Amino acid sequence: MAPEGLSPATPPDRFRVGESLVTSARTISLADIDAFARTTGDENPLHLDETFAARQMFGGRVAHGLLTLSATLGLWYRSGFFDHVIVVFLGIDKLRFLKPVRPGDTLSSRLTIVKREPTERGDRVELENVTSNGAGEPVLTFTARLLVSPPRL
């Protein structure tokens, strides 16, 4: 199924400035948070200890900000939008964590292409991302810079 707003066309037709797509949704689970903590070593009790976290500013366990970012990138790739292209991640600008993501929150992202310029190695593409929870509240925003090119066969 094609993402909302864009079809899975050939790469040159896919990254048009001004176009947007909305990814599918993904629910963040306690198991996701626990696995991320084990993988990264970030075992902050805000993420892992319900009793401790309940007494803190968020009133309970919350997902790591970088788990939210990683899940967002996973949603991008699961959308099919980057199928049949090579993507080199060049950087993230204006990264903002706006609200906590809690176990059970369902996330989706809206990507908007804001810039595209051809280079010898492929197109430099700039995307604005807004990741929202199931209530439609933005939880994460950033601008990503990518180098996108067709694969060499």
N, C-alpha and C. Protein backbone atom coordinates (compact mmCIF):
# COMPACT_ATOMS: atom_id res chain seq x y z
N MET A 1 0.84 -1.18 0.00
CA MET A 1 0.00 0.00 0.00
C MET A 1 0.89 1.24 0.00
N ALA A 2 0.60 2.20 -0.85
CA ALA A 2 1.39 3.42 -0.95
C ALA A 2 1.09 4.35 0.22
N PRO A 3 2.11 5.05 0.73
CA PRO A 3 1.88 6.01 1.80
C PRO A 3 0.94 7.11 1.33
N GLU A 4 0.21 7.68 2.27
CA GLU A 4 -0.69 8.78 1.95
C GLU A 4 0.09 9.94 1.36
N GLY A 5 -0.33 10.45 0.21
CA GLY A 5 0.28 11.63 -0.38
C GLY A 5 1.26 11.34 -1.48
N LEU A 6 1.88 10.17 -1.51
CA LEU A 6 2.87 9.85 -2.53
C LEU A 6 2.71 8.40 -2.96
N SER A 7 2.96 8.14 -4.22
CA SER A 7 2.92 6.76 -4.70
C SER A 7 4.34 6.22 -4.77
N PRO A 8 4.48 4.89 -4.78
CA PRO A 8 5.83 4.32 -4.89
C PRO A 8 6.32 4.40 -6.33
N ALA A 9 6.58 5.61 -6.79
CA ALA A 9 7.05 5.85 -8.16
C ALA A 9 8.56 5.67 -8.23
N THR A 10 9.12 5.90 -9.39
CA THR A 10 10.57 5.84 -9.51
C THR A 10 11.19 6.93 -8.65
N PRO A 11 12.41 6.74 -8.17
CA PRO A 11 13.01 7.71 -7.26
C PRO A 11 12.94 9.17 -7.70
N PRO A 12 13.22 9.52 -8.98
CA PRO A 12 13.14 10.94 -9.32
C PRO A 12 11.75 11.53 -9.14
N ASP A 13 10.73 10.71 -9.20
CA ASP A 13 9.37 11.20 -9.04
C ASP A 13 8.92 11.18 -7.58
N ARG A 14 9.73 10.61 -6.73
CA ARG A 14 9.31 10.38 -5.36
C ARG A 14 9.65 11.51 -4.40
N PHE A 15 10.65 12.28 -4.69
CA PHE A 15 11.14 13.26 -3.74
C PHE A 15 10.90 14.68 -4.24
N ARG A 16 9.65 15.01 -4.48
CA ARG A 16 9.28 16.33 -4.99
C ARG A 16 9.09 17.31 -3.84
N VAL A 17 9.70 18.47 -3.95
CA VAL A 17 9.59 19.50 -2.91
C VAL A 17 8.12 19.85 -2.71
N GLY A 18 7.72 19.89 -1.44
CA GLY A 18 6.36 20.25 -1.08
C GLY A 18 5.45 19.05 -0.85
N GLU A 19 5.85 17.88 -1.29
CA GLU A 19 5.01 16.71 -1.10
C GLU A 19 5.18 16.14 0.30
N SER A 20 4.13 15.51 0.78
CA SER A 20 4.13 14.93 2.12
C SER A 20 3.62 13.50 2.08
N LEU A 21 3.98 12.76 3.10
CA LEU A 21 3.40 11.43 3.29
C LEU A 21 3.22 11.20 4.78
N VAL A 22 2.26 10.36 5.10
CA VAL A 22 2.02 9.95 6.47
C VAL A 22 2.32 8.47 6.56
N THR A 23 3.12 8.08 7.54
CA THR A 23 3.49 6.67 7.70
C THR A 23 2.34 5.90 8.35
N SER A 24 2.52 4.61 8.41
CA SER A 24 1.63 3.79 9.22
C SER A 24 1.93 4.09 10.69
N ALA A 25 1.24 3.41 11.59
CA ALA A 25 1.40 3.65 13.03
C ALA A 25 2.12 2.49 13.68
N ARG A 26 2.72 2.79 14.82
CA ARG A 26 3.39 1.77 15.63
C ARG A 26 3.17 2.11 17.10
N THR A 27 2.84 1.10 17.89
CA THR A 27 2.64 1.29 19.32
C THR A 27 3.93 0.93 20.06
N ILE A 28 4.34 1.82 20.95
CA ILE A 28 5.53 1.61 21.76
C ILE A 28 5.13 0.82 23.00
N SER A 29 5.80 -0.30 23.22
CA SER A 29 5.46 -1.18 24.34
C SER A 29 6.51 -1.09 25.45
N LEU A 30 6.16 -1.63 26.62
CA LEU A 30 7.15 -1.76 27.69
C LEU A 30 8.33 -2.61 27.23
N ALA A 31 8.05 -3.65 26.45
CA ALA A 31 9.13 -4.50 25.93
C ALA A 31 10.07 -3.71 25.03
N ASP A 32 9.53 -2.79 24.22
CA ASP A 32 10.38 -1.93 23.38
C ASP A 32 11.32 -1.09 24.25
N ILE A 33 10.75 -0.50 25.31
CA ILE A 33 11.54 0.36 26.20
C ILE A 33 12.62 -0.45 26.91
N ASP A 34 12.24 -1.62 27.42
CA ASP A 34 13.21 -2.47 28.11
C ASP A 34 14.33 -2.91 27.16
N ALA A 35 13.98 -3.31 25.94
CA ALA A 35 14.99 -3.77 24.97
C ALA A 35 15.91 -2.62 24.58
N PHE A 36 15.36 -1.43 24.40
CA PHE A 36 16.19 -0.28 24.05
C PHE A 36 17.18 0.02 25.17
N ALA A 37 16.71 -0.05 26.42
CA ALA A 37 17.59 0.19 27.56
C ALA A 37 18.73 -0.83 27.59
N ARG A 38 18.39 -2.10 27.36
CA ARG A 38 19.43 -3.15 27.36
C ARG A 38 20.42 -2.93 26.22
N THR A 39 19.91 -2.59 25.04
CA THR A 39 20.76 -2.43 23.87
C THR A 39 21.71 -1.25 24.01
N THR A 40 21.20 -0.14 24.54
CA THR A 40 22.01 1.08 24.60
C THR A 40 22.76 1.26 25.92
N GLY A 41 22.30 0.57 26.96
CA GLY A 41 22.89 0.79 28.28
C GLY A 41 22.28 1.97 29.01
N ASP A 42 21.30 2.63 28.41
CA ASP A 42 20.62 3.76 29.06
C ASP A 42 19.53 3.20 29.97
N GLU A 43 19.92 2.94 31.21
CA GLU A 43 19.01 2.31 32.17
C GLU A 43 18.50 3.31 33.20
N ASN A 44 18.25 4.52 32.75
CA ASN A 44 17.68 5.55 33.60
C ASN A 44 16.37 5.03 34.19
N PRO A 45 16.16 5.17 35.51
CA PRO A 45 14.94 4.65 36.12
C PRO A 45 13.65 5.31 35.62
N LEU A 46 13.74 6.48 34.98
CA LEU A 46 12.53 7.06 34.36
C LEU A 46 11.96 6.13 33.29
N HIS A 47 12.82 5.32 32.71
CA HIS A 47 12.40 4.41 31.65
C HIS A 47 12.08 3.01 32.18
N LEU A 48 12.67 2.62 33.31
CA LEU A 48 12.61 1.22 33.71
C LEU A 48 11.92 0.94 35.04
N ASP A 49 11.82 1.90 35.91
CA ASP A 49 11.32 1.66 37.27
C ASP A 49 10.01 2.43 37.47
N GLU A 50 8.90 1.69 37.42
CA GLU A 50 7.58 2.33 37.51
C GLU A 50 7.40 3.07 38.83
N THR A 51 7.84 2.50 39.93
CA THR A 51 7.69 3.14 41.24
C THR A 51 8.45 4.46 41.28
N PHE A 52 9.70 4.43 40.85
CA PHE A 52 10.50 5.65 40.80
C PHE A 52 9.87 6.66 39.84
N ALA A 53 9.56 6.21 38.62
CA ALA A 53 9.05 7.12 37.58
C ALA A 53 7.73 7.75 37.97
N ALA A 54 6.90 7.02 38.73
CA ALA A 54 5.59 7.55 39.14
C ALA A 54 5.73 8.79 40.02
N ARG A 55 6.83 8.91 40.73
CA ARG A 55 7.05 10.06 41.62
C ARG A 55 7.70 11.24 40.90
N GLN A 56 8.08 11.06 39.63
CA GLN A 56 8.81 12.10 38.91
C GLN A 56 7.87 12.94 38.05
N MET A 57 8.44 13.86 37.31
CA MET A 57 7.67 14.87 36.57
C MET A 57 6.69 14.31 35.55
N PHE A 58 6.93 13.10 35.03
CA PHE A 58 6.05 12.55 34.01
C PHE A 58 4.98 11.63 34.59
N GLY A 59 5.08 11.30 35.88
CA GLY A 59 4.06 10.51 36.54
C GLY A 59 4.03 9.04 36.13
N GLY A 60 5.10 8.54 35.55
CA GLY A 60 5.18 7.14 35.15
C GLY A 60 6.30 6.94 34.16
N ARG A 61 6.48 5.69 33.76
CA ARG A 61 7.56 5.35 32.82
C ARG A 61 7.33 6.04 31.48
N VAL A 62 8.43 6.43 30.85
CA VAL A 62 8.41 7.04 29.52
C VAL A 62 9.46 6.39 28.65
N ALA A 63 9.24 6.45 27.36
CA ALA A 63 10.20 5.93 26.39
C ALA A 63 11.40 6.86 26.30
N HIS A 64 12.54 6.32 25.98
CA HIS A 64 13.73 7.11 25.70
C HIS A 64 13.43 8.00 24.49
N GLY A 65 13.93 9.22 24.51
CA GLY A 65 13.77 10.08 23.33
C GLY A 65 14.37 9.46 22.09
N LEU A 66 15.54 8.83 22.26
CA LEU A 66 16.18 8.23 21.09
C LEU A 66 15.47 6.96 20.62
N LEU A 67 14.71 6.31 21.49
CA LEU A 67 13.84 5.22 21.04
C LEU A 67 12.75 5.79 20.14
N THR A 68 12.18 6.92 20.53
CA THR A 68 11.16 7.56 19.71
C THR A 68 11.73 7.93 18.35
N LEU A 69 12.94 8.48 18.33
CA LEU A 69 13.60 8.81 17.07
C LEU A 69 13.83 7.55 16.24
N SER A 70 14.35 6.50 16.86
CA SER A 70 14.62 5.25 16.13
C SER A 70 13.34 4.64 15.59
N ALA A 71 12.28 4.64 16.38
CA ALA A 71 10.99 4.11 15.91
C ALA A 71 10.47 4.93 14.74
N THR A 72 10.70 6.24 14.79
CA THR A 72 10.29 7.12 13.68
C THR A 72 10.99 6.72 12.40
N LEU A 73 12.30 6.50 12.46
CA LEU A 73 13.03 6.11 11.26
C LEU A 73 12.56 4.74 10.77
N GLY A 74 12.23 3.85 11.68
CA GLY A 74 11.66 2.57 11.28
C GLY A 74 10.34 2.74 10.55
N LEU A 75 9.52 3.67 11.00
CA LEU A 75 8.25 3.94 10.31
C LEU A 75 8.50 4.46 8.90
N TRP A 76 9.52 5.30 8.75
CA TRP A 76 9.87 5.78 7.41
C TRP A 76 10.15 4.61 6.49
N TYR A 77 11.03 3.71 6.95
CA TYR A 77 11.46 2.61 6.07
C TYR A 77 10.34 1.62 5.83
N ARG A 78 9.50 1.39 6.82
CA ARG A 78 8.37 0.48 6.64
C ARG A 78 7.32 1.05 5.69
N SER A 79 7.35 2.36 5.45
CA SER A 79 6.35 2.99 4.57
C SER A 79 6.52 2.58 3.12
N GLY A 80 7.70 2.10 2.74
CA GLY A 80 7.98 1.78 1.34
C GLY A 80 8.48 2.96 0.54
N PHE A 81 8.48 4.13 1.14
CA PHE A 81 8.88 5.35 0.44
C PHE A 81 10.34 5.31 0.01
N PHE A 82 11.17 4.61 0.76
CA PHE A 82 12.60 4.54 0.46
C PHE A 82 12.99 3.25 -0.25
N ASP A 83 11.99 2.48 -0.68
CA ASP A 83 12.29 1.26 -1.44
C ASP A 83 13.00 1.62 -2.74
N HIS A 84 13.95 0.81 -3.14
CA HIS A 84 14.65 0.92 -4.42
C HIS A 84 15.53 2.15 -4.53
N VAL A 85 15.94 2.70 -3.40
CA VAL A 85 16.94 3.77 -3.38
C VAL A 85 17.93 3.48 -2.26
N ILE A 86 19.11 4.01 -2.43
CA ILE A 86 20.12 3.96 -1.38
C ILE A 86 20.00 5.27 -0.60
N VAL A 87 19.93 5.17 0.71
CA VAL A 87 19.78 6.37 1.55
C VAL A 87 21.00 6.46 2.47
N VAL A 88 21.66 7.61 2.40
CA VAL A 88 22.75 7.91 3.31
C VAL A 88 22.26 9.04 4.21
N PHE A 89 22.25 8.78 5.51
CA PHE A 89 21.78 9.79 6.46
C PHE A 89 22.90 10.78 6.70
N LEU A 90 22.69 12.05 6.34
CA LEU A 90 23.73 13.08 6.48
C LEU A 90 23.63 13.85 7.79
N GLY A 91 22.43 13.93 8.36
CA GLY A 91 22.32 14.65 9.62
C GLY A 91 20.89 14.97 10.00
N ILE A 92 20.75 15.41 11.24
CA ILE A 92 19.47 15.84 11.78
C ILE A 92 19.68 17.24 12.36
N ASP A 93 18.78 18.13 12.03
CA ASP A 93 18.79 19.48 12.58
C ASP A 93 17.48 19.73 13.30
N LYS A 94 17.50 20.68 14.23
CA LYS A 94 16.29 21.13 14.92
C LYS A 94 15.54 19.99 15.61
N LEU A 95 16.26 19.04 16.18
CA LEU A 95 15.65 17.90 16.87
C LEU A 95 15.00 18.39 18.17
N ARG A 96 13.70 18.11 18.32
CA ARG A 96 12.97 18.54 19.51
C ARG A 96 12.07 17.41 19.99
N PHE A 97 12.18 17.09 21.28
CA PHE A 97 11.28 16.14 21.93
C PHE A 97 10.23 16.98 22.65
N LEU A 98 9.00 16.98 22.16
CA LEU A 98 7.99 17.92 22.61
C LEU A 98 7.12 17.40 23.75
N LYS A 99 6.87 16.11 23.77
CA LYS A 99 6.05 15.49 24.81
C LYS A 99 6.62 14.11 25.10
N PRO A 100 6.41 13.62 26.32
CA PRO A 100 6.88 12.26 26.60
C PRO A 100 6.06 11.23 25.82
N VAL A 101 6.72 10.16 25.45
CA VAL A 101 6.05 9.02 24.83
C VAL A 101 5.96 7.95 25.91
N ARG A 102 4.75 7.48 26.15
CA ARG A 102 4.50 6.52 27.21
C ARG A 102 4.26 5.13 26.64
N PRO A 103 4.51 4.10 27.43
CA PRO A 103 4.15 2.76 26.97
C PRO A 103 2.68 2.74 26.55
N GLY A 104 2.42 2.16 25.39
CA GLY A 104 1.06 2.12 24.87
C GLY A 104 0.73 3.24 23.89
N ASP A 105 1.59 4.26 23.81
CA ASP A 105 1.36 5.34 22.84
C ASP A 105 1.59 4.80 21.43
N THR A 106 0.72 5.21 20.53
CA THR A 106 0.84 4.83 19.13
C THR A 106 1.35 6.02 18.35
N LEU A 107 2.43 5.82 17.62
CA LEU A 107 3.10 6.89 16.90
C LEU A 107 2.92 6.74 15.39
N SER A 108 2.86 7.87 14.70
CA SER A 108 2.97 7.92 13.25
C SER A 108 3.70 9.21 12.90
N SER A 109 4.20 9.28 11.67
CA SER A 109 4.99 10.44 11.27
C SER A 109 4.48 11.02 9.97
N ARG A 110 4.62 12.33 9.85
CA ARG A 110 4.37 13.03 8.59
C ARG A 110 5.69 13.59 8.12
N LEU A 111 6.06 13.23 6.90
CA LEU A 111 7.28 13.73 6.28
C LEU A 111 6.90 14.71 5.19
N THR A 112 7.62 15.80 5.10
CA THR A 112 7.43 16.77 4.02
C THR A 112 8.78 17.06 3.40
N ILE A 113 8.86 16.93 2.09
CA ILE A 113 10.10 17.23 1.38
C ILE A 113 10.20 18.74 1.24
N VAL A 114 11.27 19.33 1.79
CA VAL A 114 11.42 20.78 1.76
C VAL A 114 12.53 21.25 0.84
N LYS A 115 13.42 20.33 0.45
CA LYS A 115 14.52 20.74 -0.42
C LYS A 115 15.06 19.50 -1.14
N ARG A 116 15.47 19.72 -2.37
CA ARG A 116 16.11 18.64 -3.14
C ARG A 116 17.08 19.28 -4.11
N GLU A 117 18.32 18.83 -4.07
CA GLU A 117 19.30 19.35 -5.03
C GLU A 117 20.16 18.20 -5.54
N PRO A 118 20.33 18.12 -6.86
CA PRO A 118 21.13 17.06 -7.43
C PRO A 118 22.62 17.28 -7.17
N THR A 119 23.33 16.16 -6.96
CA THR A 119 24.79 16.18 -6.85
C THR A 119 25.31 15.01 -7.69
N GLU A 120 26.61 14.90 -7.80
CA GLU A 120 27.21 13.80 -8.55
C GLU A 120 26.86 12.43 -7.98
N ARG A 121 26.71 12.36 -6.68
CA ARG A 121 26.48 11.07 -6.01
C ARG A 121 25.02 10.74 -5.80
N GLY A 122 24.13 11.66 -6.08
CA GLY A 122 22.70 11.45 -5.85
C GLY A 122 22.07 12.78 -5.48
N ASP A 123 20.85 12.73 -5.03
CA ASP A 123 20.14 13.96 -4.64
C ASP A 123 20.25 14.17 -3.14
N ARG A 124 20.59 15.39 -2.76
CA ARG A 124 20.51 15.78 -1.35
C ARG A 124 19.06 16.20 -1.11
N VAL A 125 18.44 15.52 -0.17
CA VAL A 125 17.02 15.74 0.13
C VAL A 125 16.90 16.16 1.59
N GLU A 126 16.11 17.19 1.83
CA GLU A 126 15.84 17.64 3.19
C GLU A 126 14.37 17.39 3.48
N LEU A 127 14.11 16.72 4.60
CA LEU A 127 12.74 16.36 5.00
C LEU A 127 12.43 16.97 6.35
N GLU A 128 11.23 17.50 6.50
CA GLU A 128 10.75 17.89 7.82
C GLU A 128 9.89 16.76 8.34
N ASN A 129 10.13 16.36 9.58
CA ASN A 129 9.39 15.26 10.20
C ASN A 129 8.62 15.77 11.40
N VAL A 130 7.37 15.31 11.52
CA VAL A 130 6.58 15.51 12.73
C VAL A 130 6.05 14.14 13.12
N THR A 131 6.47 13.65 14.27
CA THR A 131 5.96 12.40 14.81
C THR A 131 4.92 12.75 15.86
N SER A 132 3.76 12.12 15.75
CA SER A 132 2.64 12.42 16.66
C SER A 132 2.19 11.15 17.37
N ASN A 133 1.56 11.35 18.52
CA ASN A 133 0.98 10.23 19.25
C ASN A 133 -0.45 9.98 18.73
N GLY A 134 -1.11 9.00 19.30
CA GLY A 134 -2.45 8.62 18.85
C GLY A 134 -3.49 9.72 19.01
N ALA A 135 -3.23 10.68 19.90
CA ALA A 135 -4.14 11.81 20.09
C ALA A 135 -3.86 12.93 19.09
N GLY A 136 -2.87 12.70 18.20
CA GLY A 136 -2.53 13.72 17.21
C GLY A 136 -1.61 14.80 17.73
N GLU A 137 -1.06 14.62 18.93
CA GLU A 137 -0.17 15.61 19.51
C GLU A 137 1.26 15.36 19.03
N PRO A 138 1.94 16.37 18.50
CA PRO A 138 3.34 16.18 18.12
C PRO A 138 4.19 15.84 19.34
N VAL A 139 5.01 14.80 19.20
CA VAL A 139 5.91 14.40 20.28
C VAL A 139 7.37 14.58 19.88
N LEU A 140 7.64 14.66 18.58
CA LEU A 140 9.02 14.75 18.08
C LEU A 140 9.01 15.48 16.75
N THR A 141 9.89 16.46 16.60
CA THR A 141 10.06 17.14 15.31
C THR A 141 11.54 17.24 15.00
N PHE A 142 11.86 17.22 13.72
CA PHE A 142 13.23 17.44 13.28
C PHE A 142 13.26 17.62 11.78
N THR A 143 14.39 18.10 11.30
CA THR A 143 14.68 18.17 9.88
C THR A 143 15.82 17.20 9.61
N ALA A 144 15.62 16.34 8.61
CA ALA A 144 16.64 15.35 8.25
C ALA A 144 17.24 15.69 6.91
N ARG A 145 18.54 15.48 6.79
CA ARG A 145 19.25 15.67 5.52
C ARG A 145 19.74 14.31 5.06
N LEU A 146 19.37 13.94 3.84
CA LEU A 146 19.69 12.63 3.29
C LEU A 146 20.36 12.77 1.93
N LEU A 147 21.15 11.79 1.57
CA LEU A 147 21.64 11.63 0.21
C LEU A 147 20.92 10.41 -0.34
N VAL A 148 20.18 10.58 -1.43
CA VAL A 148 19.35 9.52 -1.99
C VAL A 148 19.80 9.26 -3.41
N SER A 149 20.01 7.98 -3.73
CA SER A 149 20.40 7.64 -5.10
C SER A 149 19.86 6.27 -5.46
N PRO A 150 19.68 6.02 -6.77
CA PRO A 150 19.26 4.68 -7.19
C PRO A 150 20.40 3.70 -6.93
N PRO A 151 20.09 2.44 -6.64
CA PRO A 151 21.16 1.47 -6.43
C PRO A 151 21.86 1.16 -7.76
N ARG A 152 23.14 0.81 -7.66
CA ARG A 152 23.89 0.37 -8.84
C ARG A 152 23.69 -1.13 -8.97
N LEU A 153 23.24 -1.56 -10.11
CA LEU A 153 22.98 -2.99 -10.32
C LEU A 153 24.08 -3.65 -11.11
